[in-house]
Amino acid sequence: MKNCKLTVIVTAYNLEKYIAECIDSIICQDYIDKEIIVVDDGSVDKTHDILSVYEKDGFIKLISHPNKGVGYCRNEAFECATGDFVTFVDGDDKIAPGTYSQNMQYFIDNENIDCVVFPIVFRWTSDNEDCVIPQARLVEDKKDIYKEYLTYKVSFSVCDKIIRKSRLKEFHFRENIRYEDVDANRQILKSISAIMVSDKGLYLYRDNCDSFVRSKVSYKKIADYFDVIFSFLEQAQKDMVDHIYISYFVSRWLRLNSLLIYPLFDDTQRRIIINHTKKIKLSKPKLIAHLLNTSLSLRKFRALWSVAAGDLYGAILISNTDYDKKTFVNKYLQSIEQI
């Protein structure tokens, strides 16, 4: 296989503490045929100065502009990419040695593979942490690829994946939205036919308290999350994924304690969120069959039944019966007062 150039796209915003370690971990990868495109998204600390040194030394291609968000930055870099394969890195994370060479080998050995998913450590703080390494497997059926996501065996991050760029002709990160990775994976799934779940290499996702994902809960974050998640599930239903996997995912997803602030939204906000849930249809007869024939708990059944009946708030309450709702909501209200 001749065309095996890899484009590594890195985004950075005010990451002077981490960006050098991130870039060094990519430069030191023993996979030779690669380009590194870094987008500085309007940093106001020393991030740009640090990256300028790498650009001057010829290690990276640097793009800089005023702050426009991760989605915009990735789209801009993707348009400039000249590689046959593409992968993404957040500027405060790190790539373990040998990750790219070991996983690019799968593409070299099998031209039918469209995407390789390699191990990832979330909330990484040190190199001494243990990581659950998946069993290597080739997944070639589209429905089975969805199952990997819906049963939490494959993450919704784009950073633990290398994708054949020719498959991404209409690929575009949504901008001005949270959780753009979820929607990106929805688009990837529309375009690919086979993925390799790898047991080689490691993506180290830093536990950065200043990161956007860990910022305060808000209506915007929850509304965006409903949007991207239920759009993903809607596409899964259109692709005829087994109802049981969709309901399994929803039952676990409803356990997010941040959903407990739902009663604080106004009528218009609630209506928008509920409309997102209407993108999927949970079948009541199938839910009953799940309850009788599988290990589905009664609580999960009641929560899913509430979603099927259009009672989202009831589903949230049922799913979080063992959570201290009052304490969580009070903390949220206090955080608003401090803004």
Protein backbone atom coordinates (compact mmCIF):
# COMPACT_ATOMS: atom_id res chain seq x y z
CA MET A 1 0.00 0.00 0.00
CA LYS A 2 1.71 3.20 -1.19
CA ASN A 3 -0.42 6.04 0.14
CA CYS A 4 -0.10 5.97 3.92
CA LYS A 5 0.55 9.56 4.93
CA LEU A 6 -1.01 10.47 8.28
CA THR A 7 -2.24 13.97 9.15
CA VAL A 8 -2.34 14.75 12.88
CA ILE A 9 -4.62 17.68 13.70
CA VAL A 10 -4.04 19.41 17.05
CA THR A 11 -6.17 22.18 18.55
CA ALA A 12 -4.96 24.43 21.37
CA TYR A 13 -6.34 27.30 23.42
CA ASN A 14 -4.41 28.70 26.41
CA LEU A 15 -2.46 25.49 27.01
CA GLU A 16 0.99 26.82 27.85
CA LYS A 17 1.31 24.23 30.65
CA TYR A 18 0.70 21.23 28.37
CA ILE A 19 1.20 22.03 24.69
CA ALA A 20 4.93 21.28 24.50
CA GLU A 21 4.48 17.84 26.07
CA CYS A 22 1.63 17.14 23.63
CA ILE A 23 3.57 18.18 20.52
CA ASP A 24 6.71 16.34 21.66
CA SER A 25 4.71 13.12 22.07
CA ILE A 26 3.54 13.42 18.44
CA ILE A 27 6.92 14.40 16.99
CA CYS A 28 8.55 11.44 18.75
CA GLN A 29 6.16 8.93 17.19
CA ASP A 30 8.20 6.49 15.12
CA TYR A 31 5.73 6.65 12.23
CA ILE A 32 7.68 8.74 9.72
CA ASP A 33 5.19 9.62 6.98
CA LYS A 34 3.12 12.19 8.88
CA GLU A 35 2.30 15.89 8.98
CA ILE A 36 1.29 17.81 12.10
CA ILE A 37 -1.17 20.69 11.74
CA VAL A 38 -1.70 22.75 14.90
CA VAL A 39 -4.42 25.38 15.24
CA ASP A 40 -3.94 28.00 17.95
CA ASP A 41 -7.46 29.19 18.68
CA GLY A 42 -6.66 32.72 19.83
CA SER A 43 -4.62 31.88 22.92
CA VAL A 44 -3.76 34.82 25.16
CA ASP A 45 -1.07 33.05 27.20
CA LYS A 46 2.29 31.74 25.89
CA THR A 47 0.81 28.94 23.80
CA HIS A 48 1.40 30.73 20.50
CA ASP A 49 5.02 31.56 21.40
CA ILE A 50 5.72 27.92 22.21
CA LEU A 51 4.13 26.70 18.98
CA SER A 52 6.00 29.29 16.93
CA VAL A 53 9.30 27.64 17.92
CA TYR A 54 8.06 24.25 16.65
CA GLU A 55 6.91 25.88 13.42
CA LYS A 56 10.25 27.65 12.94
CA ASP A 57 12.07 24.34 13.39
CA GLY A 58 9.85 22.75 10.73
CA PHE A 59 8.07 20.24 12.98
CA ILE A 60 4.53 21.58 12.55
CA LYS A 61 2.31 23.68 10.30
CA LEU A 62 0.79 26.38 12.52
CA ILE A 63 -2.54 28.11 11.93
CA SER A 64 -3.52 31.01 14.21
CA HIS A 65 -6.66 33.12 14.44
CA PRO A 66 -9.02 34.71 17.00
CA ASN A 67 -10.98 32.29 19.18
CA LYS A 68 -13.61 30.45 17.13
CA GLY A 69 -14.04 27.10 18.88
CA VAL A 70 -12.81 23.55 18.46
CA GLY A 71 -15.16 22.63 15.62
CA TYR A 72 -14.06 25.57 13.46
CA CYS A 73 -10.38 24.84 14.14
CA ARG A 74 -10.66 21.19 13.19
CA ASN A 75 -12.57 22.01 10.01
CA GLU A 76 -9.93 24.56 9.03
CA ALA A 77 -7.10 22.08 9.59
CA PHE A 78 -9.01 19.26 7.86
CA GLU A 79 -9.28 21.39 4.71
CA CYS A 80 -5.48 21.80 4.74
CA ALA A 81 -4.71 18.14 5.42
CA THR A 82 -2.71 16.35 2.73
CA GLY A 83 -2.60 12.96 4.42
CA ASP A 84 -4.40 9.82 3.29
CA PHE A 85 -5.43 9.23 6.91
CA VAL A 86 -6.35 11.68 9.65
CA THR A 87 -6.40 11.69 13.46
CA PHE A 88 -7.14 14.36 16.06
CA VAL A 89 -5.41 15.42 19.27
CA ASP A 90 -6.43 17.90 21.95
CA GLY A 91 -3.50 20.13 22.87
CA ASP A 92 -3.48 19.17 26.55
CA ASP A 93 -3.30 15.42 25.88
CA LYS A 94 -0.51 13.03 24.98
CA ILE A 95 0.15 10.08 22.64
CA ALA A 96 2.02 7.02 23.95
CA PRO A 97 5.14 6.00 21.96
CA GLY A 98 4.51 3.72 18.97
CA THR A 99 0.77 4.40 18.84
CA TYR A 100 0.63 5.61 15.24
CA SER A 101 3.06 3.11 13.72
CA GLN A 102 1.35 0.13 15.34
CA ASN A 103 -2.13 1.22 14.30
CA MET A 104 -1.28 2.41 10.79
CA GLN A 105 -0.05 -1.12 10.19
CA TYR A 106 -3.66 -2.33 10.24
CA PHE A 107 -4.43 -0.17 7.19
CA ILE A 108 -1.30 -1.39 5.44
CA ASP A 109 -2.28 -5.02 6.05
CA ASN A 110 -5.97 -4.64 5.18
CA GLU A 111 -7.16 -2.08 2.62
CA ASN A 112 -10.82 -2.71 3.59
CA ILE A 113 -10.41 -1.11 7.01
CA ASP A 114 -11.80 2.44 7.16
CA CYS A 115 -11.12 3.32 10.79
CA VAL A 116 -8.87 2.07 13.60
CA VAL A 117 -9.90 2.69 17.21
CA PHE A 118 -7.05 2.43 19.70
CA PRO A 119 -7.10 2.39 23.54
CA ILE A 120 -7.75 5.60 25.45
CA VAL A 121 -7.27 6.57 29.09
CA PHE A 122 -9.79 9.19 30.22
CA ARG A 123 -8.84 11.61 33.01
CA TRP A 124 -5.20 10.59 32.77
CA THR A 125 -2.94 12.18 35.39
CA SER A 126 0.23 10.07 35.26
CA ASP A 127 1.96 7.41 33.16
CA ASN A 128 1.55 4.91 36.02
CA GLU A 129 -2.21 4.55 35.61
CA ASP A 130 -3.74 1.24 34.61
CA CYS A 131 -5.75 1.02 31.40
CA VAL A 132 -8.31 -1.54 30.28
CA ILE A 133 -7.04 -2.77 26.91
CA PRO A 134 -9.79 -4.10 24.62
CA GLN A 135 -9.57 -7.37 22.77
CA ALA A 136 -8.45 -6.70 19.20
CA ARG A 137 -11.26 -7.35 16.73
CA LEU A 138 -12.35 -6.42 13.22
CA VAL A 139 -15.97 -5.19 13.03
CA GLU A 140 -17.29 -5.20 9.48
CA ASP A 141 -21.09 -5.01 9.81
CA LYS A 142 -22.55 -1.48 10.18
CA LYS A 143 -25.05 -2.60 12.82
CA ASP A 144 -22.27 -4.21 14.83
CA ILE A 145 -20.25 -0.99 14.67
CA TYR A 146 -23.21 0.86 16.20
CA LYS A 147 -23.40 -1.78 18.94
CA GLU A 148 -19.79 -1.07 19.84
CA TYR A 149 -20.76 2.53 20.57
CA LEU A 150 -24.12 1.85 22.21
CA THR A 151 -22.65 -0.69 24.63
CA TYR A 152 -19.80 1.67 25.57
CA LYS A 153 -17.07 -0.48 23.99
CA VAL A 154 -16.03 2.34 21.64
CA SER A 155 -15.88 5.95 22.83
CA PHE A 156 -17.43 8.99 21.18
CA SER A 157 -14.08 10.77 21.14
CA VAL A 158 -12.46 11.40 17.75
CA CYS A 159 -9.00 11.44 19.34
CA ASP A 160 -8.68 7.66 19.75
CA LYS A 161 -9.31 7.02 16.07
CA ILE A 162 -7.40 7.06 12.78
CA ILE A 163 -9.73 7.42 9.81
CA ARG A 164 -9.23 6.86 6.09
CA LYS A 165 -9.65 10.39 4.76
CA SER A 166 -11.18 9.33 1.44
CA ARG A 167 -14.21 8.12 3.42
CA LEU A 168 -14.84 11.60 4.83
CA LYS A 169 -15.80 13.52 1.69
CA GLU A 170 -18.74 15.33 3.33
CA PHE A 171 -17.29 15.32 6.84
CA HIS A 172 -17.68 18.54 8.81
CA PHE A 173 -17.51 19.27 12.54
CA ARG A 174 -20.53 21.16 13.77
CA GLU A 175 -19.53 24.58 15.06
CA ASN A 176 -20.83 26.58 18.01
CA ILE A 177 -22.07 23.43 19.70
CA ARG A 178 -20.85 21.40 22.65
CA TYR A 179 -19.95 17.72 22.29
CA GLU A 180 -19.07 18.07 18.61
CA ASP A 181 -17.20 14.74 18.83
CA VAL A 182 -20.49 12.84 19.19
CA ASP A 183 -21.86 14.35 16.00
CA ALA A 184 -18.52 13.77 14.26
CA ASN A 185 -18.76 10.06 15.10
CA ARG A 186 -22.29 10.01 13.70
CA GLN A 187 -20.90 11.33 10.41
CA ILE A 188 -18.01 8.88 10.48
CA LEU A 189 -20.42 5.99 10.93
CA LYS A 190 -22.39 7.10 7.87
CA SER A 191 -19.25 6.82 5.75
CA ILE A 192 -17.38 3.74 6.94
CA SER A 193 -17.93 0.02 6.49
CA ALA A 194 -15.32 -1.62 8.71
CA ILE A 195 -13.44 -0.65 11.87
CA MET A 196 -10.55 -2.27 13.66
CA VAL A 197 -10.74 -2.13 17.44
CA SER A 198 -7.06 -2.19 18.33
CA ASP A 199 -5.26 -3.31 21.47
CA LYS A 200 -2.15 -1.35 20.50
CA GLY A 201 -1.01 2.15 21.45
CA LEU A 202 -2.62 4.59 23.88
CA TYR A 203 -4.24 8.02 23.85
CA LEU A 204 -3.79 9.83 27.17
CA TYR A 205 -6.73 12.17 27.79
CA ARG A 206 -5.64 14.60 30.48
CA ASP A 207 -7.78 15.32 33.52
CA ASN A 208 -7.72 19.06 32.92
CA CYS A 209 -9.95 20.93 35.39
CA ASP A 210 -9.88 23.98 33.10
CA SER A 211 -11.19 22.09 30.08
CA PHE A 212 -14.44 23.04 28.36
CA VAL A 213 -16.04 19.64 28.91
CA ARG A 214 -15.66 19.97 32.68
CA SER A 215 -17.04 23.50 32.83
CA LYS A 216 -20.25 24.29 34.73
CA VAL A 217 -23.55 22.68 33.83
CA SER A 218 -25.88 24.92 31.83
CA TYR A 219 -28.98 24.72 29.67
CA LYS A 220 -26.83 25.14 26.56
CA LYS A 221 -24.63 22.17 27.44
CA ILE A 222 -27.60 19.92 28.18
CA ALA A 223 -29.55 21.02 25.10
CA ASP A 224 -26.52 20.41 22.88
CA TYR A 225 -25.98 17.01 24.45
CA PHE A 226 -29.59 15.99 23.78
CA ASP A 227 -29.21 17.24 20.22
CA VAL A 228 -26.10 15.24 19.33
CA ILE A 229 -26.99 12.09 21.29
CA PHE A 230 -30.50 11.71 19.93
CA SER A 231 -29.34 12.56 16.41
CA PHE A 232 -26.87 9.68 16.75
CA LEU A 233 -29.63 7.37 18.02
CA GLU A 234 -31.97 8.50 15.25
CA GLN A 235 -29.39 7.50 12.66
CA ALA A 236 -28.90 4.16 14.44
CA GLN A 237 -32.63 3.47 14.21
CA LYS A 238 -32.67 4.34 10.52
CA ASP A 239 -29.84 1.85 10.04
CA MET A 240 -32.02 -0.79 11.72
CA VAL A 241 -29.91 -1.28 14.85
CA ASP A 242 -31.57 -3.65 17.33
CA HIS A 243 -33.98 -1.77 19.63
CA ILE A 244 -32.44 -3.40 22.70
CA TYR A 245 -29.07 -1.67 22.17
CA ILE A 246 -30.68 1.73 21.74
CA SER A 247 -32.78 1.31 24.88
CA TYR A 248 -29.74 0.02 26.79
CA PHE A 249 -27.79 3.14 25.87
CA VAL A 250 -30.67 5.49 26.77
CA SER A 251 -31.19 3.80 30.14
CA ARG A 252 -27.55 4.38 31.10
CA TRP A 253 -27.48 7.86 29.61
CA LEU A 254 -30.46 8.99 31.74
CA ARG A 255 -28.28 8.44 34.82
CA LEU A 256 -26.39 11.68 34.16
CA ASN A 257 -26.96 13.67 37.32
CA SER A 258 -26.64 16.96 35.40
CA LEU A 259 -30.09 16.22 33.93
CA LEU A 260 -31.56 16.94 37.36
CA ILE A 261 -31.59 20.67 36.61
CA TYR A 262 -34.26 20.03 33.94
CA PRO A 263 -37.09 21.50 36.14
CA LEU A 264 -35.23 24.82 36.23
CA PHE A 265 -35.62 25.37 32.49
CA ASP A 266 -38.46 27.46 31.11
CA ASP A 267 -41.23 25.99 28.95
CA THR A 268 -39.52 26.85 25.66
CA GLN A 269 -36.24 25.26 26.76
CA ARG A 270 -38.01 22.10 27.92
CA ARG A 271 -39.90 21.87 24.64
CA ILE A 272 -36.65 22.05 22.65
CA ILE A 273 -35.11 19.28 24.72
CA ILE A 274 -38.19 17.06 24.49
CA ASN A 275 -38.27 17.55 20.70
CA HIS A 276 -34.76 16.10 20.54
CA THR A 277 -35.96 12.93 22.29
CA LYS A 278 -38.73 12.55 19.70
CA LYS A 279 -36.10 11.78 17.07
CA ILE A 280 -36.22 8.17 18.27
CA LYS A 281 -39.15 5.85 18.87
CA LEU A 282 -38.94 3.50 21.83
CA SER A 283 -41.40 0.66 21.27
CA LYS A 284 -43.53 -0.19 24.33
CA PRO A 285 -44.10 -3.81 23.21
CA LYS A 286 -40.36 -4.26 22.71
CA LEU A 287 -39.65 -2.70 26.12
CA ILE A 288 -42.00 -5.22 27.72
CA ALA A 289 -40.20 -8.01 25.86
CA HIS A 290 -36.87 -6.68 27.13
CA LEU A 291 -38.17 -6.71 30.69
CA LEU A 292 -39.45 -10.27 30.46
CA ASN A 293 -36.64 -11.81 28.43
CA THR A 294 -33.49 -9.93 29.41
CA SER A 295 -31.76 -8.65 32.53
CA LEU A 296 -33.37 -5.19 32.16
CA SER A 297 -34.13 -3.91 35.66
CA LEU A 298 -37.56 -2.67 36.64
CA ARG A 299 -36.22 0.82 37.27
CA LYS A 300 -34.63 1.03 33.82
CA PHE A 301 -37.84 -0.31 32.31
CA ARG A 302 -39.93 2.36 34.07
CA ALA A 303 -37.52 5.09 32.94
CA LEU A 304 -37.55 3.93 29.32
CA TRP A 305 -41.33 3.59 29.42
CA SER A 306 -41.52 7.22 30.54
CA VAL A 307 -39.35 8.29 27.59
CA ALA A 308 -41.61 6.31 25.24
CA ALA A 309 -44.62 8.06 26.78
CA GLY A 310 -43.04 11.51 26.37
CA ASP A 311 -42.47 12.04 30.10
CA LEU A 312 -38.79 12.96 30.05
CA TYR A 313 -38.72 14.46 33.52
CA GLY A 314 -40.29 11.33 34.97
CA ALA A 315 -37.61 9.25 33.25
CA ILE A 316 -34.87 11.44 34.72
CA LEU A 317 -36.30 11.17 38.25
CA ILE A 318 -36.74 7.40 38.04
CA SER A 319 -33.20 6.94 36.73
CA ASN A 320 -31.71 8.98 39.56
CA THR A 321 -33.80 7.74 42.50
CA ASP A 322 -30.71 7.02 44.59
CA TYR A 323 -29.10 10.41 43.94
CA ASP A 324 -29.28 13.37 46.31
CA LYS A 325 -31.27 15.59 43.97
CA LYS A 326 -31.78 18.47 46.40
CA THR A 327 -28.06 18.83 47.09
CA PHE A 328 -27.18 18.76 43.41
CA VAL A 329 -29.79 21.38 42.44
CA ASN A 330 -28.79 23.64 45.35
CA LYS A 331 -25.15 23.52 44.25
CA TYR A 332 -26.21 24.40 40.73
CA LEU A 333 -28.26 27.38 41.94
CA GLN A 334 -25.32 28.60 44.03
CA SER A 335 -23.02 28.39 41.01
CA ILE A 336 -25.41 30.57 39.00
CA GLU A 337 -25.48 33.19 41.76
CA GLN A 338 -21.68 33.37 41.69
CA ILE A 339 -21.53 34.21 37.98
